[in-house]
Amino acid sequence: MRDGRERRLERALFAIFVEAAGALIGQLVAAGIDDPADIARRLNRRGFPCWGRPRWSAGAVSMVLRRKAWLDARA
């Protein structure tokens, strides 16, 4: 079983991932691309890694957008 330090480190790394992926996804949304499946295809073509998955999916894009909004609200 993992200890608290490992969990905190994993959460911190995930927050960094969400910020980076959220920034890129935000640029695509600002450019008028708002379909999560289209965003996922573009991220996969660019080779941007997805957290814990081999490829981006529409669900992963939506999750990052939700998590980024949640993190932004907490700041």
C-alpha atoms as a PDB file:
ATOM      1  CA  MET A   1       0.000   0.000   0.000  1.00  0.00           C
ATOM      2  CA  ARG A   2       1.253   3.460  -0.848  1.00  0.00           C
ATOM      3  CA  ASP A   3       1.994   5.907   1.895  1.00  0.00           C
ATOM      4  CA  GLY A   4       0.741   9.472   2.155  1.00  0.00           C
ATOM      5  CA  ARG A   5       3.881  10.996   0.620  1.00  0.00           C
ATOM      6  CA  GLU A   6       3.497   8.974  -2.568  1.00  0.00           C
ATOM      7  CA  ARG A   7      -0.163   9.947  -2.860  1.00  0.00           C
ATOM      8  CA  ARG A   8       0.659  13.640  -2.351  1.00  0.00           C
ATOM      9  CA  LEU A   9       3.409  13.432  -4.958  1.00  0.00           C
ATOM     10  CA  GLU A  10       1.095  11.728  -7.442  1.00  0.00           C
ATOM     11  CA  ARG A  11      -1.597  14.365  -6.842  1.00  0.00           C
ATOM     12  CA  ALA A  12       0.940  17.159  -7.323  1.00  0.00           C
ATOM     13  CA  LEU A  13       2.204  15.614 -10.561  1.00  0.00           C
ATOM     14  CA  PHE A  14      -1.359  15.185 -11.799  1.00  0.00           C
ATOM     15  CA  ALA A  15      -2.100  18.846 -11.019  1.00  0.00           C
ATOM     16  CA  ILE A  16       0.939  19.843 -13.103  1.00  0.00           C
ATOM     17  CA  PHE A  17      -0.285  17.621 -15.941  1.00  0.00           C
ATOM     18  CA  VAL A  18      -3.763  19.158 -15.749  1.00  0.00           C
ATOM     19  CA  GLU A  19      -2.286  22.670 -15.928  1.00  0.00           C
ATOM     20  CA  ALA A  20      -0.169  21.814 -18.980  1.00  0.00           C
ATOM     21  CA  ALA A  21      -2.866  19.856 -20.792  1.00  0.00           C
ATOM     22  CA  GLY A  22      -5.502  22.395 -19.780  1.00  0.00           C
ATOM     23  CA  ALA A  23      -3.453  25.231 -21.244  1.00  0.00           C
ATOM     24  CA  LEU A  24      -3.105  23.433 -24.568  1.00  0.00           C
ATOM     25  CA  ILE A  25      -6.764  22.405 -24.615  1.00  0.00           C
ATOM     26  CA  GLY A  26      -7.691  25.987 -23.703  1.00  0.00           C
ATOM     27  CA  GLN A  27      -5.771  27.261 -26.740  1.00  0.00           C
ATOM     28  CA  LEU A  28      -7.666  24.872 -28.979  1.00  0.00           C
ATOM     29  CA  VAL A  29     -11.003  25.927 -27.465  1.00  0.00           C
ATOM     30  CA  ALA A  30     -10.058  29.598 -27.901  1.00  0.00           C
ATOM     31  CA  ALA A  31      -9.349  28.852 -31.579  1.00  0.00           C
ATOM     32  CA  GLY A  32     -12.923  27.599 -31.920  1.00  0.00           C
ATOM     33  CA  ILE A  33     -12.375  23.860 -31.552  1.00  0.00           C
ATOM     34  CA  ASP A  34     -14.802  22.799 -28.857  1.00  0.00           C
ATOM     35  CA  ASP A  35     -15.566  19.162 -29.700  1.00  0.00           C
ATOM     36  CA  PRO A  36     -13.710  16.968 -27.152  1.00  0.00           C
ATOM     37  CA  ALA A  37     -13.270  14.167 -29.732  1.00  0.00           C
ATOM     38  CA  ASP A  38     -11.679  16.606 -32.194  1.00  0.00           C
ATOM     39  CA  ILE A  39      -9.425  17.980 -29.453  1.00  0.00           C
ATOM     40  CA  ALA A  40      -8.410  14.406 -28.533  1.00  0.00           C
ATOM     41  CA  ARG A  41      -7.493  13.647 -32.152  1.00  0.00           C
ATOM     42  CA  ARG A  42      -5.389  16.799 -32.341  1.00  0.00           C
ATOM     43  CA  LEU A  43      -3.590  16.023 -29.069  1.00  0.00           C
ATOM     44  CA  ASN A  44      -2.850  12.486 -30.272  1.00  0.00           C
ATOM     45  CA  ARG A  45      -1.512  13.812 -33.587  1.00  0.00           C
ATOM     46  CA  ARG A  46       0.763  16.223 -31.726  1.00  0.00           C
ATOM     47  CA  GLY A  47       2.046  13.411 -29.544  1.00  0.00           C
ATOM     48  CA  PHE A  48       0.973  15.109 -26.315  1.00  0.00           C
ATOM     49  CA  PRO A  49       0.912  12.352 -23.674  1.00  0.00           C
ATOM     50  CA  CYS A  50      -2.244  11.484 -21.787  1.00  0.00           C
ATOM     51  CA  TRP A  51      -2.112  10.720 -18.067  1.00  0.00           C
ATOM     52  CA  GLY A  52      -2.331   6.978 -17.463  1.00  0.00           C
ATOM     53  CA  ARG A  53      -3.570   6.163 -20.968  1.00  0.00           C
ATOM     54  CA  PRO A  54      -1.831   5.453 -24.252  1.00  0.00           C
ATOM     55  CA  ARG A  55      -4.021   7.920 -26.198  1.00  0.00           C
ATOM     56  CA  TRP A  56      -6.381  10.813 -25.642  1.00  0.00           C
ATOM     57  CA  SER A  57     -10.132  10.250 -25.775  1.00  0.00           C
ATOM     58  CA  ALA A  58     -13.063  12.652 -25.624  1.00  0.00           C
ATOM     59  CA  GLY A  59     -13.632  11.554 -22.032  1.00  0.00           C
ATOM     60  CA  ALA A  60     -10.043  12.326 -21.053  1.00  0.00           C
ATOM     61  CA  VAL A  61     -10.322  15.804 -22.595  1.00  0.00           C
ATOM     62  CA  SER A  62     -13.559  16.435 -20.689  1.00  0.00           C
ATOM     63  CA  MET A  63     -11.970  15.199 -17.468  1.00  0.00           C
ATOM     64  CA  VAL A  64      -9.039  17.610 -17.857  1.00  0.00           C
ATOM     65  CA  LEU A  65     -11.410  20.510 -18.516  1.00  0.00           C
ATOM     66  CA  ARG A  66     -13.468  19.648 -15.418  1.00  0.00           C
ATOM     67  CA  ARG A  67     -10.398  19.165 -13.228  1.00  0.00           C
ATOM     68  CA  LYS A  68      -8.788  22.400 -14.481  1.00  0.00           C
ATOM     69  CA  ALA A  69     -11.985  24.324 -13.681  1.00  0.00           C
ATOM     70  CA  TRP A  70     -12.020  22.742 -10.224  1.00  0.00           C
ATOM     71  CA  LEU A  71      -8.349  23.606  -9.590  1.00  0.00           C
ATOM     72  CA  ASP A  72      -8.881  27.173 -10.846  1.00  0.00           C
ATOM     73  CA  ALA A  73     -11.859  27.591  -8.518  1.00  0.00           C
ATOM     74  CA  ARG A  74      -9.746  26.507  -5.551  1.00  0.00           C
ATOM     75  CA  ALA A  75      -6.953  29.005  -6.290  1.00  0.00           C
END
